[in-house]
Amino acid sequence: MENIKSKEFLVGEAKNKFSEVLNEVSNGVVVRIVKGKQRKLVAEIIPPTKKVDDDELGIGSLAHWGEFAISDDWEMTEEELLNL
């Protein structure tokens, strides 16, 4: 199993040091955000699984997530599109 680094921040600390949190994540560290004396986990920020160059994105910011196709016989009126 691969060795994954993680770091823990209290909620207020994560808020005040958000730039540091993002730097940690960009360096491959999983950031765990906790609250209270019991340090209850409220969130995890994980590094992206695949780095994507802007040139790879194409049209739309989520183009790298997959593909879709519209059937040739698909039709929609303007009223349907606008939900009128």
PDB file of N, CA and C in Angstrom:
ATOM      1  N   MET A   1       0.850  -1.193   0.000  1.00  0.00           N
ATOM      2  CA  MET A   1       0.000   0.000   0.000  1.00  0.00           C
ATOM      3  C   MET A   1       0.883   1.239   0.000  1.00  0.00           C
ATOM      4  N   GLU A   2       0.503   2.248  -0.790  1.00  0.00           N
ATOM      5  CA  GLU A   2       1.332   3.439  -0.885  1.00  0.00           C
ATOM      6  C   GLU A   2       1.195   4.289   0.370  1.00  0.00           C
ATOM      7  N   ASN A   3       2.250   5.010   0.698  1.00  0.00           N
ATOM      8  CA  ASN A   3       2.307   5.849   1.879  1.00  0.00           C
ATOM      9  C   ASN A   3       1.729   7.219   1.551  1.00  0.00           C
ATOM     10  N   ILE A   4       0.540   7.511   2.070  1.00  0.00           N
ATOM     11  CA  ILE A   4      -0.125   8.782   1.806  1.00  0.00           C
ATOM     12  C   ILE A   4       0.065   9.691   3.006  1.00  0.00           C
ATOM     13  N   LYS A   5       0.596  10.880   2.767  1.00  0.00           N
ATOM     14  CA  LYS A   5       0.792  11.846   3.839  1.00  0.00           C
ATOM     15  C   LYS A   5      -0.531  12.525   4.149  1.00  0.00           C
ATOM     16  N   SER A   6      -0.734  12.843   5.438  1.00  0.00           N
ATOM     17  CA  SER A   6      -1.914  13.612   5.806  1.00  0.00           C
ATOM     18  C   SER A   6      -1.536  14.608   6.892  1.00  0.00           C
ATOM     19  N   LYS A   7      -2.327  15.648   6.994  1.00  0.00           N
ATOM     20  CA  LYS A   7      -2.102  16.688   7.990  1.00  0.00           C
ATOM     21  C   LYS A   7      -3.469  17.116   8.500  1.00  0.00           C
ATOM     22  N   GLU A   8      -3.531  17.465   9.781  1.00  0.00           N
ATOM     23  CA  GLU A   8      -4.787  17.810  10.407  1.00  0.00           C
ATOM     24  C   GLU A   8      -4.800  19.280  10.817  1.00  0.00           C
ATOM     25  N   PHE A   9      -5.928  19.941  10.562  1.00  0.00           N
ATOM     26  CA  PHE A   9      -6.130  21.331  10.967  1.00  0.00           C
ATOM     27  C   PHE A   9      -7.460  21.420  11.705  1.00  0.00           C
ATOM     28  N   LEU A  10      -7.507  22.218  12.771  1.00  0.00           N
ATOM     29  CA  LEU A  10      -8.788  22.551  13.381  1.00  0.00           C
ATOM     30  C   LEU A  10      -9.525  23.500  12.425  1.00  0.00           C
ATOM     31  N   VAL A  11     -10.849  23.550  12.528  1.00  0.00           N
ATOM     32  CA  VAL A  11     -11.660  24.356  11.606  1.00  0.00           C
ATOM     33  C   VAL A  11     -11.160  25.805  11.549  1.00  0.00           C
ATOM     34  N   GLY A  12     -10.996  26.452  12.698  1.00  0.00           N
ATOM     35  CA  GLY A  12     -10.554  27.849  12.728  1.00  0.00           C
ATOM     36  C   GLY A  12      -9.160  28.020  12.155  1.00  0.00           C
ATOM     37  N   GLU A  13      -8.293  27.060  12.441  1.00  0.00           N
ATOM     38  CA  GLU A  13      -6.934  27.102  11.919  1.00  0.00           C
ATOM     39  C   GLU A  13      -6.941  26.969  10.394  1.00  0.00           C
ATOM     40  N   ALA A  14      -7.779  26.069   9.882  1.00  0.00           N
ATOM     41  CA  ALA A  14      -7.880  25.888   8.431  1.00  0.00           C
ATOM     42  C   ALA A  14      -8.394  27.160   7.762  1.00  0.00           C
ATOM     43  N   LYS A  15      -9.335  27.831   8.432  1.00  0.00           N
ATOM     44  CA  LYS A  15      -9.875  29.087   7.897  1.00  0.00           C
ATOM     45  C   LYS A  15      -8.788  30.153   7.846  1.00  0.00           C
ATOM     46  N   ASN A  16      -8.042  30.288   8.920  1.00  0.00           N
ATOM     47  CA  ASN A  16      -7.010  31.328   8.995  1.00  0.00           C
ATOM     48  C   ASN A  16      -5.789  31.024   8.144  1.00  0.00           C
ATOM     49  N   LYS A  17      -5.545  29.757   7.864  1.00  0.00           N
ATOM     50  CA  LYS A  17      -4.356  29.350   7.106  1.00  0.00           C
ATOM     51  C   LYS A  17      -4.750  28.648   5.807  1.00  0.00           C
ATOM     52  N   PHE A  18      -5.810  29.144   5.167  1.00  0.00           N
ATOM     53  CA  PHE A  18      -6.327  28.457   3.984  1.00  0.00           C
ATOM     54  C   PHE A  18      -5.287  28.331   2.878  1.00  0.00           C
ATOM     55  N   SER A  19      -4.459  29.349   2.707  1.00  0.00           N
ATOM     56  CA  SER A  19      -3.405  29.261   1.689  1.00  0.00           C
ATOM     57  C   SER A  19      -2.444  28.115   2.001  1.00  0.00           C
ATOM     58  N   GLU A  20      -2.106  27.942   3.265  1.00  0.00           N
ATOM     59  CA  GLU A  20      -1.241  26.831   3.667  1.00  0.00           C
ATOM     60  C   GLU A  20      -1.926  25.488   3.413  1.00  0.00           C
ATOM     61  N   VAL A  21      -3.220  25.430   3.720  1.00  0.00           N
ATOM     62  CA  VAL A  21      -3.994  24.203   3.465  1.00  0.00           C
ATOM     63  C   VAL A  21      -3.911  23.840   1.984  1.00  0.00           C
ATOM     64  N   LEU A  22      -4.143  24.815   1.118  1.00  0.00           N
ATOM     65  CA  LEU A  22      -4.097  24.558  -0.321  1.00  0.00           C
ATOM     66  C   LEU A  22      -2.694  24.173  -0.780  1.00  0.00           C
ATOM     67  N   ASN A  23      -1.669  24.779  -0.204  1.00  0.00           N
ATOM     68  CA  ASN A  23      -0.292  24.403  -0.540  1.00  0.00           C
ATOM     69  C   ASN A  23      -0.020  22.951  -0.169  1.00  0.00           C
ATOM     70  N   GLU A  24      -0.484  22.543   1.002  1.00  0.00           N
ATOM     71  CA  GLU A  24      -0.301  21.153   1.433  1.00  0.00           C
ATOM     72  C   GLU A  24      -0.966  20.201   0.438  1.00  0.00           C
ATOM     73  N   VAL A  25      -2.205  20.510   0.064  1.00  0.00           N
ATOM     74  CA  VAL A  25      -2.944  19.650  -0.866  1.00  0.00           C
ATOM     75  C   VAL A  25      -2.241  19.605  -2.216  1.00  0.00           C
ATOM     76  N   SER A  26      -1.764  20.745  -2.691  1.00  0.00           N
ATOM     77  CA  SER A  26      -1.094  20.770  -3.988  1.00  0.00           C
ATOM     78  C   SER A  26       0.221  19.992  -3.954  1.00  0.00           C
ATOM     79  N   ASN A  27       0.766  19.774  -2.757  1.00  0.00           N
ATOM     80  CA  ASN A  27       1.986  18.977  -2.607  1.00  0.00           C
ATOM     81  C   ASN A  27       1.692  17.502  -2.335  1.00  0.00           C
ATOM     82  N   GLY A  28       0.427  17.096  -2.499  1.00  0.00           N
ATOM     83  CA  GLY A  28       0.069  15.687  -2.367  1.00  0.00           C
ATOM     84  C   GLY A  28      -0.363  15.246  -0.985  1.00  0.00           C
ATOM     85  N   VAL A  29      -0.556  16.192  -0.074  1.00  0.00           N
ATOM     86  CA  VAL A  29      -0.950  15.863   1.297  1.00  0.00           C
ATOM     87  C   VAL A  29      -2.473  15.886   1.408  1.00  0.00           C
ATOM     88  N   VAL A  30      -3.046  14.879   2.080  1.00  0.00           N
ATOM     89  CA  VAL A  30      -4.474  14.874   2.384  1.00  0.00           C
ATOM     90  C   VAL A  30      -4.663  15.715   3.639  1.00  0.00           C
ATOM     91  N   VAL A  31      -5.487  16.744   3.549  1.00  0.00           N
ATOM     92  CA  VAL A  31      -5.735  17.619   4.693  1.00  0.00           C
ATOM     93  C   VAL A  31      -7.055  17.220   5.327  1.00  0.00           C
ATOM     94  N   ARG A  32      -6.973  16.936   6.627  1.00  0.00           N
ATOM     95  CA  ARG A  32      -8.159  16.569   7.404  1.00  0.00           C
ATOM     96  C   ARG A  32      -8.534  17.764   8.274  1.00  0.00           C
ATOM     97  N   ILE A  33      -9.792  18.181   8.214  1.00  0.00           N
ATOM     98  CA  ILE A  33     -10.265  19.302   9.019  1.00  0.00           C
ATOM     99  C   ILE A  33     -11.145  18.732  10.126  1.00  0.00           C
ATOM    100  N   VAL A  34     -10.791  19.083  11.379  1.00  0.00           N
ATOM    101  CA  VAL A  34     -11.457  18.515  12.545  1.00  0.00           C
ATOM    102  C   VAL A  34     -11.983  19.626  13.440  1.00  0.00           C
ATOM    103  N   LYS A  35     -12.914  19.260  14.339  1.00  0.00           N
ATOM    104  CA  LYS A  35     -13.441  20.251  15.279  1.00  0.00           C
ATOM    105  C   LYS A  35     -13.619  19.631  16.652  1.00  0.00           C
ATOM    106  N   GLY A  36     -13.594  20.485  17.649  1.00  0.00           N
ATOM    107  CA  GLY A  36     -13.869  20.074  19.016  1.00  0.00           C
ATOM    108  C   GLY A  36     -12.729  19.337  19.700  1.00  0.00           C
ATOM    109  N   LYS A  37     -12.949  19.081  21.007  1.00  0.00           N
ATOM    110  CA  LYS A  37     -11.944  18.372  21.800  1.00  0.00           C
ATOM    111  C   LYS A  37     -11.733  16.944  21.316  1.00  0.00           C
ATOM    112  N   GLN A  38     -12.789  16.347  20.797  1.00  0.00           N
ATOM    113  CA  GLN A  38     -12.672  14.982  20.279  1.00  0.00           C
ATOM    114  C   GLN A  38     -12.064  14.959  18.878  1.00  0.00           C
ATOM    115  N   ARG A  39     -11.801  16.141  18.336  1.00  0.00           N
ATOM    116  CA  ARG A  39     -11.217  16.281  17.003  1.00  0.00           C
ATOM    117  C   ARG A  39     -12.023  15.466  15.978  1.00  0.00           C
ATOM    118  N   LYS A  40     -13.339  15.722  15.987  1.00  0.00           N
ATOM    119  CA  LYS A  40     -14.250  15.039  15.072  1.00  0.00           C
ATOM    120  C   LYS A  40     -13.973  15.493  13.638  1.00  0.00           C
ATOM    121  N   LEU A  41     -13.788  14.544  12.753  1.00  0.00           N
ATOM    122  CA  LEU A  41     -13.515  14.835  11.343  1.00  0.00           C
ATOM    123  C   LEU A  41     -14.758  15.438  10.698  1.00  0.00           C
ATOM    124  N   VAL A  42     -14.581  16.607  10.071  1.00  0.00           N
ATOM    125  CA  VAL A  42     -15.696  17.247   9.372  1.00  0.00           C
ATOM    126  C   VAL A  42     -15.463  17.325   7.870  1.00  0.00           C
ATOM    127  N   ALA A  43     -14.199  17.239   7.445  1.00  0.00           N
ATOM    128  CA  ALA A  43     -13.923  17.307   6.010  1.00  0.00           C
ATOM    129  C   ALA A  43     -12.518  16.784   5.730  1.00  0.00           C
ATOM    130  N   GLU A  44     -12.344  16.340   4.494  1.00  0.00           N
ATOM    131  CA  GLU A  44     -11.027  15.987   3.991  1.00  0.00           C
ATOM    132  C   GLU A  44     -10.863  16.659   2.638  1.00  0.00           C
ATOM    133  N   ILE A  45      -9.716  17.256   2.432  1.00  0.00           N
ATOM    134  CA  ILE A  45      -9.394  17.837   1.132  1.00  0.00           C
ATOM    135  C   ILE A  45      -8.280  16.984   0.558  1.00  0.00           C
ATOM    136  N   ILE A  46      -8.549  16.382  -0.585  1.00  0.00           N
ATOM    137  CA  ILE A  46      -7.582  15.457  -1.166  1.00  0.00           C
ATOM    138  C   ILE A  46      -7.011  16.018  -2.455  1.00  0.00           C
ATOM    139  N   PRO A  47      -5.769  15.661  -2.768  1.00  0.00           N
ATOM    140  CA  PRO A  47      -5.181  16.120  -4.025  1.00  0.00           C
ATOM    141  C   PRO A  47      -5.933  15.513  -5.207  1.00  0.00           C
ATOM    142  N   PRO A  48      -5.953  16.198  -6.333  1.00  0.00           N
ATOM    143  CA  PRO A  48      -6.599  15.619  -7.517  1.00  0.00           C
ATOM    144  C   PRO A  48      -5.871  14.336  -7.915  1.00  0.00           C
ATOM    145  N   THR A  49      -6.627  13.404  -8.476  1.00  0.00           N
ATOM    146  CA  THR A  49      -6.025  12.129  -8.862  1.00  0.00           C
ATOM    147  C   THR A  49      -5.247  12.239 -10.159  1.00  0.00           C
ATOM    148  N   LYS A  50      -5.583  13.238 -10.957  1.00  0.00           N
ATOM    149  CA  LYS A  50      -4.890  13.432 -12.221  1.00  0.00           C
ATOM    150  C   LYS A  50      -4.706  14.921 -12.448  1.00  0.00           C
ATOM    151  N   LYS A  51      -3.483  15.315 -12.684  1.00  0.00           N
ATOM    152  CA  LYS A  51      -3.229  16.721 -13.005  1.00  0.00           C
ATOM    153  C   LYS A  51      -3.574  16.937 -14.472  1.00  0.00           C
ATOM    154  N   VAL A  52      -4.292  18.011 -14.752  1.00  0.00           N
ATOM    155  CA  VAL A  52      -4.737  18.309 -16.106  1.00  0.00           C
ATOM    156  C   VAL A  52      -4.199  19.678 -16.497  1.00  0.00           C
ATOM    157  N   ASP A  53      -3.532  19.750 -17.631  1.00  0.00           N
ATOM    158  CA  ASP A  53      -3.078  21.038 -18.152  1.00  0.00           C
ATOM    159  C   ASP A  53      -4.272  21.769 -18.744  1.00  0.00           C
ATOM    160  N   ASP A  54      -4.207  23.091 -18.721  1.00  0.00           N
ATOM    161  CA  ASP A  54      -5.290  23.888 -19.293  1.00  0.00           C
ATOM    162  C   ASP A  54      -5.533  23.523 -20.752  1.00  0.00           C
ATOM    163  N   ASP A  55      -4.480  23.169 -21.484  1.00  0.00           N
ATOM    164  CA  ASP A  55      -4.630  22.818 -22.896  1.00  0.00           C
ATOM    165  C   ASP A  55      -5.462  21.552 -23.084  1.00  0.00           C
ATOM    166  N   GLU A  56      -5.488  20.681 -22.074  1.00  0.00           N
ATOM    167  CA  GLU A  56      -6.229  19.430 -22.176  1.00  0.00           C
ATOM    168  C   GLU A  56      -7.722  19.604 -21.911  1.00  0.00           C
ATOM    169  N   LEU A  57      -8.117  20.726 -21.305  1.00  0.00           N
ATOM    170  CA  LEU A  57      -9.497  20.876 -20.880  1.00  0.00           C
ATOM    171  C   LEU A  57     -10.478  20.989 -22.034  1.00  0.00           C
ATOM    172  N   GLY A  58     -10.108  21.651 -23.091  1.00  0.00           N
ATOM    173  CA  GLY A  58     -11.037  21.812 -24.198  1.00  0.00           C
ATOM    174  C   GLY A  58     -12.164  22.745 -23.816  1.00  0.00           C
ATOM    175  N   ILE A  59     -13.326  22.509 -24.366  1.00  0.00           N
ATOM    176  CA  ILE A  59     -14.476  23.359 -24.089  1.00  0.00           C
ATOM    177  C   ILE A  59     -15.092  22.946 -22.761  1.00  0.00           C
ATOM    178  N   GLY A  60     -15.252  23.898 -21.870  1.00  0.00           N
ATOM    179  CA  GLY A  60     -15.838  23.620 -20.565  1.00  0.00           C
ATOM    180  C   GLY A  60     -14.789  23.154 -19.578  1.00  0.00           C
ATOM    181  N   SER A  61     -14.927  23.565 -18.345  1.00  0.00           N
ATOM    182  CA  SER A  61     -13.919  23.248 -17.349  1.00  0.00           C
ATOM    183  C   SER A  61     -13.962  21.795 -16.903  1.00  0.00           C
ATOM    184  N   LEU A  62     -15.027  21.068 -17.192  1.00  0.00           N
ATOM    185  CA  LEU A  62     -15.132  19.667 -16.778  1.00  0.00           C
ATOM    186  C   LEU A  62     -14.974  18.700 -17.947  1.00  0.00           C
ATOM    187  N   ALA A  63     -14.433  19.188 -19.049  1.00  0.00           N
ATOM    188  CA  ALA A  63     -14.307  18.345 -20.241  1.00  0.00           C
ATOM    189  C   ALA A  63     -13.445  17.123 -20.000  1.00  0.00           C
ATOM    190  N   HIS A  64     -12.514  17.201 -19.071  1.00  0.00           N
ATOM    191  CA  HIS A  64     -11.626  16.071 -18.804  1.00  0.00           C
ATOM    192  C   HIS A  64     -12.313  14.946 -18.027  1.00  0.00           C
ATOM    193  N   TRP A  65     -13.533  15.154 -17.555  1.00  0.00           N
ATOM    194  CA  TRP A  65     -14.230  14.147 -16.750  1.00  0.00           C
ATOM    195  C   TRP A  65     -14.849  13.042 -17.587  1.00  0.00           C
ATOM    196  N   GLY A  66     -15.021  13.253 -18.856  1.00  0.00           N
ATOM    197  CA  GLY A  66     -15.624  12.215 -19.677  1.00  0.00           C
ATOM    198  C   GLY A  66     -16.188  12.792 -20.951  1.00  0.00           C
ATOM    199  N   GLU A  67     -16.901  11.957 -21.642  1.00  0.00           N
ATOM    200  CA  GLU A  67     -17.483  12.367 -22.909  1.00  0.00           C
ATOM    201  C   GLU A  67     -18.984  12.121 -22.872  1.00  0.00           C
ATOM    202  N   PHE A  68     -19.699  12.805 -23.748  1.00  0.00           N
ATOM    203  CA  PHE A  68     -21.112  12.531 -23.915  1.00  0.00           C
ATOM    204  C   PHE A  68     -21.472  12.726 -25.377  1.00  0.00           C
ATOM    205  N   ALA A  69     -22.556  12.110 -25.772  1.00  0.00           N
ATOM    206  CA  ALA A  69     -23.011  12.242 -27.154  1.00  0.00           C
ATOM    207  C   ALA A  69     -24.504  12.504 -27.139  1.00  0.00           C
ATOM    208  N   ILE A  70     -24.949  13.296 -28.095  1.00  0.00           N
ATOM    209  CA  ILE A  70     -26.377  13.571 -28.242  1.00  0.00           C
ATOM    210  C   ILE A  70     -26.856  12.825 -29.473  1.00  0.00           C
ATOM    211  N   SER A  71     -27.922  12.090 -29.291  1.00  0.00           N
ATOM    212  CA  SER A  71     -28.480  11.293 -30.376  1.00  0.00           C
ATOM    213  C   SER A  71     -28.901  12.188 -31.540  1.00  0.00           C
ATOM    214  N   ASP A  72     -28.726  11.692 -32.756  1.00  0.00           N
ATOM    215  CA  ASP A  72     -29.092  12.457 -33.951  1.00  0.00           C
ATOM    216  C   ASP A  72     -30.581  12.782 -34.006  1.00  0.00           C
ATOM    217  N   ASP A  73     -31.420  11.930 -33.404  1.00  0.00           N
ATOM    218  CA  ASP A  73     -32.872  12.160 -33.481  1.00  0.00           C
ATOM    219  C   ASP A  73     -33.417  12.904 -32.252  1.00  0.00           C
ATOM    220  N   TRP A  74     -32.550  13.424 -31.425  1.00  0.00           N
ATOM    221  CA  TRP A  74     -32.976  14.157 -30.242  1.00  0.00           C
ATOM    222  C   TRP A  74     -33.435  15.543 -30.636  1.00  0.00           C
ATOM    223  N   GLU A  75     -34.592  15.955 -30.103  1.00  0.00           N
ATOM    224  CA  GLU A  75     -35.129  17.278 -30.410  1.00  0.00           C
ATOM    225  C   GLU A  75     -35.634  17.940 -29.142  1.00  0.00           C
ATOM    226  N   MET A  76     -35.534  19.264 -29.116  1.00  0.00           N
ATOM    227  CA  MET A  76     -36.069  20.036 -27.998  1.00  0.00           C
ATOM    228  C   MET A  76     -36.473  21.399 -28.519  1.00  0.00           C
ATOM    229  N   THR A  77     -37.667  21.815 -28.166  1.00  0.00           N
ATOM    230  CA  THR A  77     -38.118  23.145 -28.575  1.00  0.00           C
ATOM    231  C   THR A  77     -37.492  24.191 -27.652  1.00  0.00           C
ATOM    232  N   GLU A  78     -37.563  25.444 -28.076  1.00  0.00           N
ATOM    233  CA  GLU A  78     -37.038  26.522 -27.232  1.00  0.00           C
ATOM    234  C   GLU A  78     -37.813  26.599 -25.921  1.00  0.00           C
ATOM    235  N   GLU A  79     -39.127  26.343 -25.978  1.00  0.00           N
ATOM    236  CA  GLU A  79     -39.958  26.390 -24.768  1.00  0.00           C
ATOM    237  C   GLU A  79     -39.522  25.297 -23.788  1.00  0.00           C
ATOM    238  N   GLU A  80     -39.235  24.093 -24.291  1.00  0.00           N
ATOM    239  CA  GLU A  80     -38.759  23.019 -23.429  1.00  0.00           C
ATOM    240  C   GLU A  80     -37.412  23.369 -22.812  1.00  0.00           C
ATOM    241  N   LEU A  81     -36.531  23.935 -23.609  1.00  0.00           N
ATOM    242  CA  LEU A  81     -35.216  24.318 -23.135  1.00  0.00           C
ATOM    243  C   LEU A  81     -35.317  25.349 -22.016  1.00  0.00           C
ATOM    244  N   LEU A  82     -36.215  26.293 -22.197  1.00  0.00           N
ATOM    245  CA  LEU A  82     -36.387  27.362 -21.218  1.00  0.00           C
ATOM    246  C   LEU A  82     -37.371  26.990 -20.112  1.00  0.00           C
ATOM    247  N   ASN A  83     -37.891  25.765 -20.155  1.00  0.00           N
ATOM    248  CA  ASN A  83     -38.837  25.251 -19.169  1.00  0.00           C
ATOM    249  C   ASN A  83     -40.087  26.125 -19.060  1.00  0.00           C
ATOM    250  N   LEU A  84     -40.629  26.490 -20.223  1.00  0.00           N
ATOM    251  CA  LEU A  84     -41.843  27.314 -20.265  1.00  0.00           C
ATOM    252  C   LEU A  84     -43.081  26.465 -20.383  1.00  0.00           C
TER     253      LEU A  84
END
